[in-house]
Amino acid sequence: MERFAVALMLLLCMPSAALASDFIEATTAITLTVDSVTIYPDGLMVAKCKGSLDMTAGEHKFVVNVPDSADKSSVLLKVSNATVERVVYDANPVYTLNVSTSGSQDFALSYLMYNAGFWEPKYDMHLTDDSVLLNANALVRNRGGDDLKNVRLKLVAGLPISVEPLYARAAQRYAAEAAPEEALSAAPAPSASGELETLYIFELVGRKDLAKDKDISFPLFSQDVPLVRIYTWNAYEQGDGPVEEEIKANNTMQNPWPSGRAMLYRNDEYVSTIDMPYTPTGTNASISVGPSADLKVSRKLKDYNITEKIIAANASAKNHTVKETTQTWTYHLKVESNLDRASTLEVTDSLPQEAELIDVAPKPTESTATSLKWRLQLMPRQKTSIDYSYKVLTTESLQGEN
């Protein structure tokens, strides 16, 4: 059973004549041991403390010792078999309790500390042909001003702070957890789109020590997850390549992947450090690996023609001539796979806004007035090509004579 540090301060300065009719009020200072801390990525730390004390029935007054960094107005104290009669918020909150039953009473204390605890995920990703081994560690920083010993550690993951401020959502969760059970049972259930639903809490296994002002890393999760590998090539901007490699890793876990930095490895060799996006369970993380030599590509102008034609026109009894210019471009795109496995390549190319497509093979997967896109499924070591032609027609009015 955890114990308090208890200091009794008796008010003995009252006149002796008053002792016969007035009672001496005792104030007990209590310091509870921290049992668990919850850390949000924006610096908020929620501390929960526990303890017990033998008490007689009746009214008792307690000074609750909390860290200097605690938000005093957020302090919540619950005592079994007792009701709170009054709280005075001073340097430390002073609680007046009415205990209904004598005996051992359970104390539960919680409070908020801003900019007191930080955490961020650190990933290392090991790529294979069709999966990725994803290892995640939590880097935790205790800035609360005190060492924390043997505490349960919870880490909150949510959408980026720029999307939804975490302080407000944390305060809602904190208030909900502190509300009486009868109030919670009467409250409507939160909707699926509610702010609290965007949060996920990792509870680390076992109890942890968090030395103040130290960065400490703990294992968070590890799993081999499936992936789809895609190569992309903007032929207009990168005529001779290289292609860009992108992987889509599917989160098959029950928890989200918080956003963070990831060290990428292939065949146990370091490739690069990349950004891991926030990825809810059941969705894909699109991760750019960078330039790749797995595919060889090139874009060449195969043919260019220009023709001009003068056309006579008559308008308002005046003779005019119009010069009509037609320009035709033909491009040849080559693709060669250097891989011993099948692969997917997405090719995009740009057209002038006034262009009219004449011929294209193979047919593009998507096309707009100014762009073409192909999605090619390549076999191992396959060579293939894309050919297309377009023309641009312009006219120029020439001043004629009567």
Protein backbone atom coordinates (compact mmCIF):
# COMPACT_ATOMS: atom_id res chain seq x y z
CA MET A 1 0.00 0.00 0.00
CA GLU A 2 1.36 3.38 -0.99
CA ARG A 3 1.82 5.92 1.78
CA PHE A 4 1.52 9.69 1.99
CA ALA A 5 4.00 12.16 3.27
CA VAL A 6 1.73 13.67 5.93
CA ALA A 7 2.36 16.83 7.89
CA LEU A 8 -0.09 17.98 10.54
CA MET A 9 -0.32 21.69 11.29
CA LEU A 10 -2.34 22.40 14.48
CA LEU A 11 -3.64 25.89 15.06
CA LEU A 12 -2.56 26.26 18.74
CA CYS A 13 -2.61 30.02 18.97
CA MET A 14 -6.29 30.26 19.99
CA PRO A 15 -7.11 31.69 23.48
CA SER A 16 -7.41 29.08 26.24
CA ALA A 17 -10.90 30.32 27.11
CA ALA A 18 -12.09 29.36 23.68
CA LEU A 19 -10.91 25.74 23.96
CA ALA A 20 -13.90 24.83 26.04
CA SER A 21 -16.40 25.74 23.32
CA ASP A 22 -14.46 25.69 20.01
CA PHE A 23 -12.64 22.80 18.27
CA ILE A 24 -9.10 23.07 16.94
CA GLU A 25 -9.11 22.76 13.12
CA ALA A 26 -6.38 20.48 11.73
CA THR A 27 -5.08 20.84 8.16
CA THR A 28 -3.29 17.87 6.67
CA ALA A 29 -0.77 18.37 3.87
CA ILE A 30 -0.69 15.40 1.51
CA THR A 31 1.69 14.43 -1.28
CA LEU A 32 0.50 11.53 -3.42
CA THR A 33 2.77 9.31 -5.49
CA VAL A 34 2.36 9.64 -9.26
CA ASP A 35 0.85 6.41 -10.60
CA SER A 36 0.49 7.24 -14.32
CA VAL A 37 1.18 10.01 -16.81
CA THR A 38 -0.42 10.63 -20.19
CA ILE A 39 1.63 12.65 -22.67
CA TYR A 40 0.25 14.46 -25.71
CA PRO A 41 2.44 15.34 -28.71
CA ASP A 42 1.98 19.10 -28.16
CA GLY A 43 3.51 19.13 -24.66
CA LEU A 44 0.51 18.49 -22.44
CA MET A 45 1.05 16.00 -19.58
CA VAL A 46 -1.78 14.59 -17.46
CA ALA A 47 -0.61 13.14 -14.13
CA LYS A 48 -2.69 10.77 -12.01
CA CYS A 49 -1.74 9.94 -8.40
CA LYS A 50 -3.01 7.36 -5.92
CA GLY A 51 -2.79 6.61 -2.20
CA SER A 52 -4.80 5.73 0.91
CA LEU A 53 -5.16 7.02 4.48
CA ASP A 54 -7.06 5.98 7.63
CA MET A 55 -9.61 8.68 8.48
CA THR A 56 -12.41 9.24 10.97
CA ALA A 57 -15.89 10.28 9.92
CA GLY A 58 -16.55 13.99 9.76
CA GLU A 59 -15.02 17.06 8.18
CA HIS A 60 -11.34 17.15 7.19
CA LYS A 61 -9.19 19.76 5.50
CA PHE A 62 -6.28 18.87 3.15
CA VAL A 63 -3.59 20.91 1.46
CA VAL A 64 -2.81 19.00 -1.75
CA ASN A 65 0.83 19.31 -2.78
CA VAL A 66 1.28 19.46 -6.57
CA PRO A 67 4.30 20.42 -8.73
CA ASP A 68 4.93 24.10 -9.42
CA SER A 69 4.34 23.42 -13.13
CA ALA A 70 0.83 22.04 -12.51
CA ASP A 71 -2.20 24.06 -13.58
CA LYS A 72 -3.73 24.58 -10.13
CA SER A 73 -7.23 25.14 -11.51
CA SER A 74 -7.11 21.70 -13.16
CA VAL A 75 -6.43 19.79 -9.91
CA LEU A 76 -9.06 17.13 -9.18
CA LEU A 77 -9.17 15.15 -5.93
CA LYS A 78 -11.45 12.18 -5.29
CA VAL A 79 -11.71 10.41 -1.93
CA SER A 80 -13.76 7.29 -1.31
CA ASN A 81 -16.71 7.68 1.10
CA ALA A 82 -16.26 11.46 1.05
CA THR A 83 -17.78 14.51 -0.58
CA VAL A 84 -16.01 17.75 -1.45
CA GLU A 85 -17.44 20.64 0.52
CA ARG A 86 -15.06 23.38 -0.60
CA VAL A 87 -11.88 24.02 -2.60
CA VAL A 88 -9.65 27.06 -2.10
CA TYR A 89 -7.15 27.57 -4.92
CA ASP A 90 -3.99 29.01 -3.39
CA ALA A 91 -0.33 28.15 -3.97
CA ASN A 92 -1.63 24.59 -3.50
CA PRO A 93 -5.35 23.74 -3.49
CA VAL A 94 -6.98 23.33 -0.07
CA TYR A 95 -9.81 20.78 0.02
CA THR A 96 -12.49 20.53 2.69
CA LEU A 97 -13.95 17.00 2.71
CA ASN A 98 -16.84 15.43 4.57
CA VAL A 99 -16.04 11.76 5.25
CA SER A 100 -19.13 9.59 5.78
CA THR A 101 -17.51 6.36 7.00
CA SER A 102 -14.43 5.85 9.18
CA GLY A 103 -11.59 3.66 7.98
CA SER A 104 -9.10 3.49 5.14
CA GLN A 105 -9.98 5.90 2.32
CA ASP A 106 -8.67 5.77 -1.24
CA PHE A 107 -7.30 9.04 -2.68
CA ALA A 108 -7.11 9.79 -6.42
CA LEU A 109 -5.50 13.01 -7.63
CA SER A 110 -5.05 14.31 -11.19
CA TYR A 111 -3.84 17.53 -12.78
CA LEU A 112 -2.63 19.03 -16.07
CA MET A 113 0.86 20.35 -16.83
CA TYR A 114 1.43 22.29 -20.03
CA ASN A 115 4.70 22.05 -21.97
CA ALA A 116 5.80 19.41 -19.48
CA GLY A 117 6.04 16.22 -21.52
CA PHE A 118 6.76 15.54 -25.17
CA TRP A 119 6.97 12.46 -27.29
CA GLU A 120 7.52 11.59 -30.93
CA PRO A 121 7.77 8.33 -32.85
CA LYS A 122 11.06 7.25 -34.43
CA TYR A 123 10.80 4.63 -37.17
CA ASP A 124 13.16 2.35 -39.00
CA MET A 125 11.78 0.64 -42.10
CA HIS A 126 13.38 -2.40 -43.75
CA LEU A 127 12.17 -2.93 -47.32
CA THR A 128 11.76 -6.26 -49.08
CA ASP A 129 10.09 -6.91 -52.43
CA ASP A 130 6.53 -7.15 -51.11
CA SER A 131 6.59 -6.06 -47.46
CA VAL A 132 8.27 -3.74 -45.02
CA LEU A 133 9.37 -4.45 -41.46
CA LEU A 134 8.22 -1.40 -39.52
CA ASN A 135 9.83 -0.78 -36.13
CA ALA A 136 8.59 2.16 -34.05
CA ASN A 137 10.11 3.60 -30.89
CA ALA A 138 8.72 6.39 -28.72
CA LEU A 139 11.17 9.14 -27.81
CA VAL A 140 9.83 10.67 -24.56
CA ARG A 141 10.93 13.91 -22.88
CA ASN A 142 10.00 14.65 -19.25
CA ARG A 143 10.01 18.44 -18.73
CA GLY A 144 7.70 18.40 -15.70
CA GLY A 145 10.40 19.40 -13.20
CA ASP A 146 10.51 16.12 -11.23
CA ASP A 147 11.79 12.60 -11.76
CA LEU A 148 8.99 10.12 -12.31
CA LYS A 149 9.54 6.64 -10.86
CA ASN A 150 7.72 3.42 -11.68
CA VAL A 151 4.82 5.06 -13.53
CA ARG A 152 2.41 3.73 -16.09
CA LEU A 153 3.09 5.62 -19.33
CA LYS A 154 0.44 6.52 -21.90
CA LEU A 155 1.22 8.30 -25.17
CA VAL A 156 -1.47 10.03 -27.22
CA ALA A 157 -1.37 10.00 -31.00
CA GLY A 158 -3.66 12.15 -33.08
CA LEU A 159 -3.94 14.20 -36.22
CA PRO A 160 -1.31 16.93 -36.73
CA ILE A 161 -1.62 19.93 -34.41
CA SER A 162 -2.17 22.19 -37.44
CA VAL A 163 -5.37 20.24 -38.16
CA GLU A 164 -6.82 19.93 -34.65
CA PRO A 165 -5.38 21.57 -31.50
CA LEU A 166 -4.77 18.85 -28.93
CA TYR A 167 -5.13 20.97 -25.79
CA ALA A 168 -8.85 21.42 -26.33
CA ARG A 169 -9.44 17.74 -27.04
CA ALA A 170 -7.30 16.71 -24.07
CA ALA A 171 -9.31 18.96 -21.78
CA GLN A 172 -12.53 17.35 -23.01
CA ARG A 173 -11.18 13.84 -22.37
CA TYR A 174 -9.80 14.90 -18.97
CA ALA A 175 -13.14 16.42 -17.94
CA ALA A 176 -15.03 13.35 -19.17
CA GLU A 177 -12.82 10.98 -17.18
CA ALA A 178 -13.21 13.12 -14.06
CA ALA A 179 -17.02 13.34 -14.27
CA PRO A 180 -19.15 11.29 -11.87
CA GLU A 181 -20.30 7.91 -13.21
CA GLU A 182 -23.98 8.88 -13.04
CA ALA A 183 -23.28 11.94 -15.19
CA LEU A 184 -21.40 9.85 -17.73
CA SER A 185 -24.22 7.33 -18.00
CA ALA A 186 -26.69 10.12 -18.72
CA ALA A 187 -24.51 11.83 -21.30
CA PRO A 188 -25.08 11.04 -25.01
CA ALA A 189 -22.45 8.87 -26.70
CA PRO A 190 -19.93 10.84 -28.79
CA SER A 191 -20.45 10.71 -32.54
CA ALA A 192 -18.03 8.88 -34.81
CA SER A 193 -16.81 12.23 -36.12
CA GLY A 194 -16.25 13.71 -32.66
CA GLU A 195 -12.91 15.28 -31.85
CA LEU A 196 -12.06 12.67 -29.22
CA GLU A 197 -12.40 9.94 -31.81
CA THR A 198 -9.31 11.23 -33.63
CA LEU A 199 -7.08 10.36 -30.65
CA TYR A 200 -5.41 7.04 -29.97
CA ILE A 201 -3.62 6.21 -26.71
CA PHE A 202 -0.63 3.89 -26.63
CA GLU A 203 -0.21 2.36 -23.18
CA LEU A 204 3.30 0.99 -22.80
CA VAL A 205 3.80 -2.41 -21.20
CA GLY A 206 5.14 -2.35 -17.63
CA ARG A 207 6.11 0.62 -15.52
CA LYS A 208 8.71 3.17 -16.54
CA ASP A 209 11.15 5.61 -14.97
CA LEU A 210 11.29 9.07 -16.54
CA ALA A 211 14.23 11.14 -15.37
CA LYS A 212 13.57 14.86 -15.67
CA ASP A 213 15.09 16.72 -18.62
CA LYS A 214 16.20 13.50 -20.29
CA ASP A 215 15.26 12.01 -23.67
CA ILE A 216 14.37 8.33 -23.25
CA SER A 217 13.39 5.86 -25.98
CA PHE A 218 10.94 2.99 -25.47
CA PRO A 219 9.77 0.30 -27.93
CA LEU A 220 6.34 1.18 -29.29
CA PHE A 221 5.44 -1.52 -31.86
CA SER A 222 6.95 -3.71 -34.56
CA GLN A 223 5.27 -5.49 -37.46
CA ASP A 224 5.86 -6.76 -40.97
CA VAL A 225 3.28 -5.00 -43.16
CA PRO A 226 2.36 -5.49 -46.83
CA LEU A 227 3.26 -2.89 -49.42
CA VAL A 228 2.70 -1.97 -53.05
CA ARG A 229 5.67 -0.48 -54.88
CA ILE A 230 5.00 2.08 -57.62
CA TYR A 231 7.41 3.94 -59.89
CA THR A 232 6.46 7.35 -61.29
CA TRP A 233 7.98 9.30 -64.18
CA ASN A 234 7.16 12.83 -65.24
CA ALA A 235 8.40 12.56 -68.82
CA TYR A 236 7.90 16.28 -69.51
CA GLU A 237 10.17 17.40 -66.66
CA GLN A 238 12.60 14.44 -66.61
CA GLY A 239 13.19 13.50 -70.23
CA ASP A 240 15.93 11.00 -69.38
CA GLY A 241 14.63 10.04 -65.96
CA PRO A 242 15.23 8.96 -63.34
CA VAL A 243 11.96 7.46 -62.21
CA GLU A 244 10.80 8.09 -58.65
CA GLU A 245 10.08 5.15 -56.38
CA GLU A 246 7.04 5.29 -54.12
CA ILE A 247 5.72 2.67 -51.71
CA LYS A 248 2.23 2.35 -50.33
CA ALA A 249 2.45 0.50 -46.99
CA ASN A 250 -0.87 -0.86 -45.70
CA ASN A 251 -1.54 -0.38 -41.99
CA THR A 252 -3.02 -3.74 -40.97
CA MET A 253 -2.50 -3.02 -37.27
CA GLN A 254 -5.15 -2.05 -34.72
CA ASN A 255 -3.41 1.25 -33.96
CA PRO A 256 -2.56 4.22 -36.20
CA TRP A 257 0.97 5.13 -37.25
CA PRO A 258 1.72 8.60 -35.85
CA SER A 259 3.56 11.00 -38.14
CA GLY A 260 7.32 11.10 -37.63
CA ARG A 261 10.73 10.61 -39.18
CA ALA A 262 11.73 7.21 -40.56
CA MET A 263 15.12 5.77 -41.49
CA LEU A 264 14.71 3.65 -44.61
CA TYR A 265 16.81 0.53 -45.27
CA ARG A 266 16.99 -1.86 -48.23
CA ASN A 267 18.85 -5.15 -47.76
CA ASP A 268 20.00 -3.76 -44.41
CA GLU A 269 21.70 -0.85 -46.16
CA TYR A 270 20.66 2.69 -45.28
CA VAL A 271 18.84 4.45 -48.13
CA SER A 272 17.49 7.75 -46.78
CA THR A 273 15.54 9.44 -44.00
CA ILE A 274 11.94 10.16 -44.94
CA ASP A 275 8.71 11.53 -43.45
CA MET A 276 6.16 8.98 -42.25
CA PRO A 277 2.63 10.42 -42.65
CA TYR A 278 -0.07 9.92 -40.05
CA THR A 279 -1.75 6.66 -41.14
CA PRO A 280 -5.00 5.44 -39.54
CA THR A 281 -5.57 1.71 -39.30
CA GLY A 282 -6.81 0.15 -42.55
CA THR A 283 -5.30 2.86 -44.78
CA ASN A 284 -2.12 3.20 -46.82
CA ALA A 285 0.91 5.35 -46.12
CA SER A 286 2.29 6.80 -49.35
CA ILE A 287 6.03 7.17 -48.88
CA SER A 288 8.41 8.63 -51.44
CA VAL A 289 11.63 6.62 -51.48
CA GLY A 290 13.37 8.86 -54.03
CA PRO A 291 15.07 8.43 -57.44
CA SER A 292 15.54 4.85 -58.59
CA ALA A 293 17.65 3.04 -61.19
CA ASP A 294 15.27 0.05 -61.25
CA LEU A 295 13.77 1.35 -64.50
CA LYS A 296 15.49 3.08 -67.41
CA VAL A 297 13.43 5.67 -69.28
CA SER A 298 13.85 8.29 -71.99
CA ARG A 299 11.69 10.75 -73.96
CA LYS A 300 12.77 11.79 -77.47
CA LEU A 301 11.26 14.06 -80.11
CA LYS A 302 10.91 11.64 -83.02
CA ASP A 303 9.53 14.05 -85.63
CA TYR A 304 8.51 17.67 -86.06
CA ASN A 305 6.75 19.23 -89.06
CA ILE A 306 5.46 22.70 -89.81
CA THR A 307 3.25 23.69 -92.74
CA GLU A 308 1.84 27.06 -93.71
CA LYS A 309 -1.14 27.82 -95.92
CA ILE A 310 -2.47 31.17 -97.15
CA ILE A 311 -6.24 31.36 -97.35
CA ALA A 312 -8.15 34.16 -99.07
CA ALA A 313 -11.15 35.53 -97.23
CA ASN A 314 -13.84 38.05 -98.15
CA ALA A 315 -15.66 40.03 -95.53
CA SER A 316 -17.56 43.32 -95.71
CA ALA A 317 -16.63 43.73 -99.37
CA LYS A 318 -12.95 43.68 -98.43
CA ASN A 319 -10.41 41.07 -99.38
CA HIS A 320 -8.32 39.56 -96.58
CA THR A 321 -5.81 36.82 -96.42
CA VAL A 322 -5.23 34.46 -93.47
CA LYS A 323 -2.07 32.48 -92.81
CA GLU A 324 -2.80 29.08 -91.29
CA THR A 325 0.15 27.35 -89.56
CA THR A 326 0.09 23.70 -88.51
CA GLN A 327 2.83 22.28 -86.28
CA THR A 328 3.04 18.55 -85.59
CA TRP A 329 5.13 16.84 -82.88
CA THR A 330 5.75 13.12 -82.51
CA TYR A 331 7.32 11.76 -79.31
CA HIS A 332 8.80 8.37 -78.52
CA LEU A 333 9.02 7.26 -74.88
CA LYS A 334 11.16 4.22 -74.03
CA VAL A 335 10.87 2.14 -70.87
CA GLU A 336 13.17 -0.70 -69.82
CA SER A 337 12.89 -2.68 -66.60
CA ASN A 338 16.09 -3.72 -64.82
CA LEU A 339 14.15 -5.82 -62.33
CA ASP A 340 13.71 -9.58 -61.99
CA ARG A 341 10.17 -9.05 -60.75
CA ALA A 342 7.00 -7.43 -62.03
CA SER A 343 6.59 -3.69 -61.47
CA THR A 344 4.17 -0.82 -62.01
CA LEU A 345 5.11 2.47 -63.70
CA GLU A 346 2.95 5.59 -63.86
CA VAL A 347 4.01 7.89 -66.72
CA THR A 348 2.75 11.46 -67.16
CA ASP A 349 3.45 13.90 -69.98
CA SER A 350 2.22 17.39 -70.81
CA LEU A 351 0.61 18.89 -73.91
CA PRO A 352 0.22 22.51 -75.05
CA GLN A 353 -3.19 23.90 -74.19
CA GLU A 354 -4.11 24.28 -77.88
CA ALA A 355 -2.92 20.79 -78.84
CA GLU A 356 -5.08 18.25 -80.70
CA LEU A 357 -4.04 14.64 -80.19
CA ILE A 358 -3.60 12.83 -83.50
CA ASP A 359 -2.38 9.37 -82.53
CA VAL A 360 -1.33 7.59 -79.34
CA ALA A 361 -0.30 4.03 -78.51
CA PRO A 362 -0.90 2.56 -76.06
CA LYS A 363 -4.07 4.35 -75.04
CA PRO A 364 -3.53 6.51 -71.93
CA THR A 365 -5.20 5.58 -68.66
CA GLU A 366 -6.17 9.20 -68.09
CA SER A 367 -6.12 12.26 -70.33
CA THR A 368 -7.01 15.93 -70.02
CA ALA A 369 -6.67 18.93 -72.33
CA THR A 370 -3.06 19.39 -71.20
CA SER A 371 -1.83 16.04 -69.91
CA LEU A 372 -1.59 12.31 -70.58
CA LYS A 373 -1.12 9.54 -68.05
CA TRP A 374 -0.29 5.86 -68.54
CA ARG A 375 -0.20 3.10 -65.92
CA LEU A 376 2.06 0.35 -67.23
CA GLN A 377 2.29 -3.16 -65.76
CA LEU A 378 5.81 -4.33 -66.56
CA MET A 379 7.04 -7.90 -66.58
CA PRO A 380 10.58 -8.72 -65.38
CA ARG A 381 13.20 -7.20 -67.71
CA GLN A 382 10.49 -6.00 -70.09
CA LYS A 383 11.13 -3.32 -72.72
CA THR A 384 8.25 -1.26 -74.01
CA SER A 385 7.50 2.15 -75.53
CA ILE A 386 4.87 4.86 -75.85
CA ASP A 387 4.33 6.86 -79.06
CA TYR A 388 2.04 9.79 -79.55
CA SER A 389 1.54 12.72 -81.93
CA TYR A 390 -0.31 15.99 -81.61
CA LYS A 391 -0.77 19.13 -83.67
CA VAL A 392 -1.26 22.78 -82.93
CA LEU A 393 -3.12 24.95 -85.44
CA THR A 394 -2.67 28.74 -85.38
CA THR A 395 -4.04 31.43 -87.70
CA GLU A 396 -2.80 34.93 -88.49
CA SER A 397 -4.82 37.55 -90.32
CA LEU A 398 -2.93 39.34 -93.09
CA GLN A 399 -4.14 42.81 -94.24
CA GLY A 400 -5.41 42.62 -97.82
CA GLU A 401 -6.09 45.35 -100.44
CA ASN A 402 -9.47 46.44 -101.89
